[in-house]
C-alpha atoms as a PDB file:
ATOM      1  CA  MET A   1     -27.401 -85.202 196.625  1.00  0.00           C
ATOM      2  CA  ILE A   2     -28.186 -81.520 196.455  1.00  0.00           C
ATOM      3  CA  SER A   3     -25.164 -79.345 196.890  1.00  0.00           C
ATOM      4  CA  SER A   4     -26.127 -75.965 198.270  1.00  0.00           C
ATOM      5  CA  VAL A   5     -26.096 -73.984 201.482  1.00  0.00           C
ATOM      6  CA  ILE A   6     -28.774 -75.218 203.835  1.00  0.00           C
ATOM      7  CA  THR A   7     -30.137 -73.349 206.824  1.00  0.00           C
ATOM      8  CA  ILE A   8     -32.837 -74.366 209.248  1.00  0.00           C
ATOM      9  CA  ASN A   9     -35.250 -71.506 209.614  1.00  0.00           C
ATOM     10  CA  ARG A  10     -38.840 -72.517 210.269  1.00  0.00           C
ATOM     11  CA  ILE A  11     -41.048 -75.356 211.403  1.00  0.00           C
ATOM     12  CA  SER A  12     -42.610 -77.453 208.671  1.00  0.00           C
ATOM     13  CA  SER A  13     -45.702 -79.610 208.853  1.00  0.00           C
ATOM     14  CA  VAL A  14     -43.711 -82.542 207.455  1.00  0.00           C
ATOM     15  CA  SER A  15     -40.807 -82.511 209.891  1.00  0.00           C
ATOM     16  CA  SER A  16     -39.611 -80.456 212.803  1.00  0.00           C
ATOM     17  CA  PHE A  17     -37.322 -78.416 210.561  1.00  0.00           C
ATOM     18  CA  ALA A  18     -37.748 -76.978 207.106  1.00  0.00           C
ATOM     19  CA  ILE A  19     -34.881 -76.550 204.722  1.00  0.00           C
ATOM     20  CA  ARG A  20     -34.309 -73.275 202.937  1.00  0.00           C
ATOM     21  CA  PHE A  21     -31.878 -73.121 200.088  1.00  0.00           C
ATOM     22  CA  LYS A  22     -30.024 -69.818 200.211  1.00  0.00           C
ATOM     23  CA  SER A  23     -27.617 -70.170 197.325  1.00  0.00           C
ATOM     24  CA  SER A  24     -28.020 -71.669 193.902  1.00  0.00           C
ATOM     25  CA  LYS A  25     -30.003 -74.862 193.727  1.00  0.00           C
ATOM     26  CA  LYS A  26     -27.586 -77.259 192.148  1.00  0.00           C
ATOM     27  CA  ILE A  27     -28.459 -80.755 191.117  1.00  0.00           C
ATOM     28  CA  ASP A  28     -25.841 -83.463 191.473  1.00  0.00           C
ATOM     29  CA  ARG A  29     -25.595 -85.095 188.070  1.00  0.00           C
ATOM     30  CA  SER A  30     -22.340 -86.939 188.813  1.00  0.00           C
ATOM     31  CA  SER A  31     -24.096 -90.225 189.591  1.00  0.00           C
ATOM     32  CA  VAL A  32     -26.209 -90.328 186.413  1.00  0.00           C
ATOM     33  CA  PRO A  33     -25.386 -93.616 184.666  1.00  0.00           C
ATOM     34  CA  ARG A  34     -23.954 -93.694 181.152  1.00  0.00           C
ATOM     35  CA  LEU A  35     -25.236 -95.793 178.299  1.00  0.00           C
ATOM     36  CA  TYR A  36     -22.779 -97.902 176.372  1.00  0.00           C
ATOM     37  CA  GLU A  37     -23.755 -99.116 172.912  1.00  0.00           C
ATOM     38  CA  ASP A  38     -22.656-102.705 173.619  1.00  0.00           C
ATOM     39  CA  GLU A  39     -25.141-102.851 176.557  1.00  0.00           C
ATOM     40  CA  LEU A  40     -28.114-101.720 174.422  1.00  0.00           C
ATOM     41  CA  GLU A  41     -30.479-103.698 172.251  1.00  0.00           C
ATOM     42  CA  GLU A  42     -32.142-101.461 169.695  1.00  0.00           C
ATOM     43  CA  LYS A  43     -35.076-102.464 167.520  1.00  0.00           C
ATOM     44  CA  PHE A  44     -37.185-100.496 165.097  1.00  0.00           C
ATOM     45  CA  THR A  45     -40.887-101.235 164.986  1.00  0.00           C
ATOM     46  CA  LYS A  46     -43.959 -99.872 163.287  1.00  0.00           C
ATOM     47  CA  GLY A  47     -45.711 -97.097 165.106  1.00  0.00           C
ATOM     48  CA  SER A  48     -49.339 -96.766 166.064  1.00  0.00           C
ATOM     49  CA  GLY A  49     -51.777 -94.074 167.057  1.00  0.00           C
ATOM     50  CA  PRO A  50     -53.004 -90.958 165.260  1.00  0.00           C
ATOM     51  CA  GLY A  51     -51.396 -89.913 162.005  1.00  0.00           C
ATOM     52  CA  GLY A  52     -53.160 -91.942 159.391  1.00  0.00           C
ATOM     53  CA  GLN A  53     -52.038 -94.807 157.226  1.00  0.00           C
ATOM     54  CA  ASN A  54     -48.429 -93.620 156.971  1.00  0.00           C
ATOM     55  CA  VAL A  55     -47.857 -94.097 160.723  1.00  0.00           C
ATOM     56  CA  ASN A  56     -48.930 -97.715 160.500  1.00  0.00           C
ATOM     57  CA  LYS A  57     -46.795 -98.487 157.416  1.00  0.00           C
ATOM     58  CA  ILE A  58     -43.441 -96.916 158.274  1.00  0.00           C
ATOM     59  CA  THR A  59     -40.980 -98.405 160.772  1.00  0.00           C
ATOM     60  CA  ASN A  60     -39.933 -95.401 162.817  1.00  0.00           C
ATOM     61  CA  ALA A  61     -40.699 -96.340 166.435  1.00  0.00           C
ATOM     62  CA  VAL A  62     -37.610 -97.184 168.507  1.00  0.00           C
ATOM     63  CA  PHE A  63     -37.526 -99.954 171.118  1.00  0.00           C
ATOM     64  CA  LEU A  64     -34.430 -99.617 173.315  1.00  0.00           C
ATOM     65  CA  LYS A  65     -33.501-102.170 175.987  1.00  0.00           C
ATOM     66  CA  HIS A  66     -30.682-101.952 178.532  1.00  0.00           C
ATOM     67  CA  GLU A  67     -29.368-105.519 178.719  1.00  0.00           C
ATOM     68  CA  PRO A  68     -27.774-105.503 182.236  1.00  0.00           C
ATOM     69  CA  THR A  69     -30.888-104.190 184.015  1.00  0.00           C
ATOM     70  CA  GLY A  70     -33.643-105.285 181.643  1.00  0.00           C
ATOM     71  CA  LEU A  71     -35.133-101.771 181.532  1.00  0.00           C
ATOM     72  CA  TRP A  72     -36.671-100.767 178.215  1.00  0.00           C
ATOM     73  CA  VAL A  73     -38.388 -97.833 176.532  1.00  0.00           C
ATOM     74  CA  LYS A  74     -40.368 -97.438 173.343  1.00  0.00           C
ATOM     75  CA  CYS A  75     -40.332 -94.048 171.668  1.00  0.00           C
ATOM     76  CA  HIS A  76     -42.571 -92.965 168.810  1.00  0.00           C
ATOM     77  CA  GLU A  77     -42.945 -89.251 169.429  1.00  0.00           C
ATOM     78  CA  THR A  78     -41.845 -87.983 166.006  1.00  0.00           C
ATOM     79  CA  ARG A  79     -41.858 -89.262 162.433  1.00  0.00           C
ATOM     80  CA  SER A  80     -38.065 -89.232 162.281  1.00  0.00           C
ATOM     81  CA  VAL A  81     -36.175 -92.381 163.284  1.00  0.00           C
ATOM     82  CA  GLU A  82     -33.087 -90.388 164.291  1.00  0.00           C
ATOM     83  CA  GLN A  83     -35.035 -88.075 166.580  1.00  0.00           C
ATOM     84  CA  ASN A  84     -36.818 -91.050 168.107  1.00  0.00           C
ATOM     85  CA  ARG A  85     -33.451 -92.740 168.742  1.00  0.00           C
ATOM     86  CA  LYS A  86     -32.155 -89.650 170.582  1.00  0.00           C
ATOM     87  CA  LEU A  87     -35.365 -89.308 172.595  1.00  0.00           C
ATOM     88  CA  ALA A  88     -35.348 -93.025 173.452  1.00  0.00           C
ATOM     89  CA  ARG A  89     -31.799 -92.740 174.798  1.00  0.00           C
ATOM     90  CA  LYS A  90     -32.768 -89.745 176.965  1.00  0.00           C
ATOM     91  CA  LEU A  91     -35.802 -91.598 178.286  1.00  0.00           C
ATOM     92  CA  LEU A  92     -33.728 -94.704 179.031  1.00  0.00           C
ATOM     93  CA  ILE A  93     -31.067 -92.666 180.854  1.00  0.00           C
ATOM     94  CA  ASN A  94     -33.796 -91.050 182.955  1.00  0.00           C
ATOM     95  CA  LYS A  95     -35.387 -94.419 183.709  1.00  0.00           C
ATOM     96  CA  LEU A  96     -32.008 -95.979 184.505  1.00  0.00           C
ATOM     97  CA  ASP A  97     -31.111 -93.056 186.794  1.00  0.00           C
ATOM     98  CA  ASN A  98     -34.352 -93.525 188.737  1.00  0.00           C
ATOM     99  CA  PHE A  99     -33.710 -97.275 188.944  1.00  0.00           C
ATOM    100  CA  VAL A 100     -30.067 -97.047 190.058  1.00  0.00           C
ATOM    101  CA  ASN A 101     -30.034 -93.890 192.208  1.00  0.00           C
ATOM    102  CA  GLY A 102     -33.576 -93.913 193.592  1.00  0.00           C
ATOM    103  CA  GLU A 103     -33.932 -90.974 195.998  1.00  0.00           C
ATOM    104  CA  GLN A 104     -30.807 -89.269 194.635  1.00  0.00           C
ATOM    105  CA  SER A 105     -31.856 -89.369 190.971  1.00  0.00           C
ATOM    106  CA  VAL A 106     -32.084 -86.110 189.060  1.00  0.00           C
ATOM    107  CA  ASP A 107     -35.898 -86.307 188.910  1.00  0.00           C
ATOM    108  CA  ASN A 108     -36.206 -86.805 192.653  1.00  0.00           C
ATOM    109  CA  GLN A 109     -33.771 -83.961 193.344  1.00  0.00           C
ATOM    110  CA  LEU A 110     -35.890 -81.666 191.159  1.00  0.00           C
ATOM    111  CA  LYS A 111     -39.054 -82.817 192.916  1.00  0.00           C
ATOM    112  CA  MET A 112     -37.489 -82.128 196.307  1.00  0.00           C
ATOM    113  CA  ILE A 113     -36.384 -78.629 195.282  1.00  0.00           C
ATOM    114  CA  ASN A 114     -39.829 -77.894 193.817  1.00  0.00           C
ATOM    115  CA  LYS A 115     -41.515 -79.159 196.991  1.00  0.00           C
ATOM    116  CA  VAL A 116     -39.330 -76.941 199.192  1.00  0.00           C
ATOM    117  CA  ASN A 117     -40.073 -73.930 196.959  1.00  0.00           C
ATOM    118  CA  PHE A 118     -43.791 -74.750 196.979  1.00  0.00           C
ATOM    119  CA  ASP A 119     -43.835 -75.061 200.780  1.00  0.00           C
ATOM    120  CA  LYS A 120     -41.899 -71.799 201.114  1.00  0.00           C
ATOM    121  CA  ASN A 121     -44.336 -69.948 198.836  1.00  0.00           C
ATOM    122  CA  LYS A 122     -47.310 -71.506 200.611  1.00  0.00           C
ATOM    123  CA  GLU A 123     -45.981 -70.371 203.984  1.00  0.00           C
ATOM    124  CA  LYS A 124     -45.300 -66.888 202.607  1.00  0.00           C
ATOM    125  CA  THR A 125     -48.865 -66.663 201.293  1.00  0.00           C
ATOM    126  CA  ARG A 126     -50.282 -67.934 204.579  1.00  0.00           C
ATOM    127  CA  LEU A 127     -48.329 -65.301 206.525  1.00  0.00           C
ATOM    128  CA  LYS A 128     -49.464 -62.570 204.149  1.00  0.00           C
ATOM    129  CA  TYR A 129     -53.142 -63.434 204.618  1.00  0.00           C
ATOM    130  CA  GLU A 130     -52.665 -63.839 208.354  1.00  0.00           C
ATOM    131  CA  ALA A 131     -51.180 -60.316 208.520  1.00  0.00           C
ATOM    132  CA  LYS A 132     -54.099 -58.950 206.490  1.00  0.00           C
ATOM    133  CA  ARG A 133     -56.582 -60.667 208.783  1.00  0.00           C
ATOM    134  CA  LEU A 134     -54.894 -59.263 211.893  1.00  0.00           C
ATOM    135  CA  GLU A 135     -54.774 -55.781 210.369  1.00  0.00           C
ATOM    136  CA  LYS A 136     -58.451 -55.946 209.498  1.00  0.00           C
ATOM    137  CA  GLN A 137     -59.243 -57.202 212.983  1.00  0.00           C
ATOM    138  CA  SER A 138     -57.290 -54.384 214.617  1.00  0.00           C
ATOM    139  CA  LEU A 139     -59.042 -51.829 212.389  1.00  0.00           C
ATOM    140  CA  THR A 140     -62.471 -53.100 213.404  1.00  0.00           C
ATOM    141  CA  ILE A 141     -61.500 -52.928 217.085  1.00  0.00           C
ATOM    142  CA  SER A 142     -60.218 -49.359 216.694  1.00  0.00           C
ATOM    143  CA  ASP A 143     -63.412 -48.436 214.799  1.00  0.00           C
ATOM    144  CA  GLN A 144     -65.489 -49.794 217.687  1.00  0.00           C
ATOM    145  CA  ASP A 145     -63.420 -47.760 220.154  1.00  0.00           C
ATOM    146  CA  ASN A 146     -63.966 -44.621 218.049  1.00  0.00           C
ATOM    147  CA  VAL A 147     -67.723 -45.227 218.008  1.00  0.00           C
ATOM    148  CA  GLU A 148     -67.779 -45.655 221.803  1.00  0.00           C
ATOM    149  CA  ASN A 149     -65.737 -42.470 222.291  1.00  0.00           C
ATOM    150  CA  ASN A 150     -68.090 -40.534 220.029  1.00  0.00           C
ATOM    151  CA  GLU A 151     -71.098 -41.794 222.017  1.00  0.00           C
ATOM    152  CA  ASN A 152     -69.473 -40.658 225.259  1.00  0.00           C
ATOM    153  CA  ASP A 153     -68.750 -37.221 223.778  1.00  0.00           C
ATOM    154  CA  ASP A 154     -72.386 -36.791 222.772  1.00  0.00           C
ATOM    155  CA  LYS A 155     -73.682 -37.335 226.323  1.00  0.00           C
ATOM    156  CA  PRO A 156     -73.998 -34.145 228.426  1.00  0.00           C
ATOM    157  CA  SER A 157     -71.894 -33.956 231.535  1.00  0.00           C
ATOM    158  CA  ASP A 158     -73.533 -33.698 234.993  1.00  0.00           C
ATOM    159  CA  SER A 159     -71.525 -30.715 236.210  1.00  0.00           C
END
């Protein structure tokens, strides 16, 4: 749930109303699940990928499984076991949040805010180019009128 002031101000292509966030864009992190050590199964495995022989010999990849849900992550982003453990926990919390909260997860809230901002900027850009096009069109019409007036001034009068 996004907690901010919402006003309906323009028509969107997605729905009949677009949402504009006037105040700070806050993300509701109250429903993010917590990890408890007794619910986790943690294993250390050998890594793979680029890095030479040392990567294949050393056990520094972390496999973390959340027992109640069966969700798991494997993290081997750094050479340090401790850093990989911290990163694995963050990844598992993120994955668990998406699993439990679905549409209201932190990632989906961020995506929704980014989509609203993108749509707002796209509309602003469209209006800017529309105004430029109309200005250019009005200038060409006034230029044509000036040319016609000059032609009429050049003609001698019959009196």
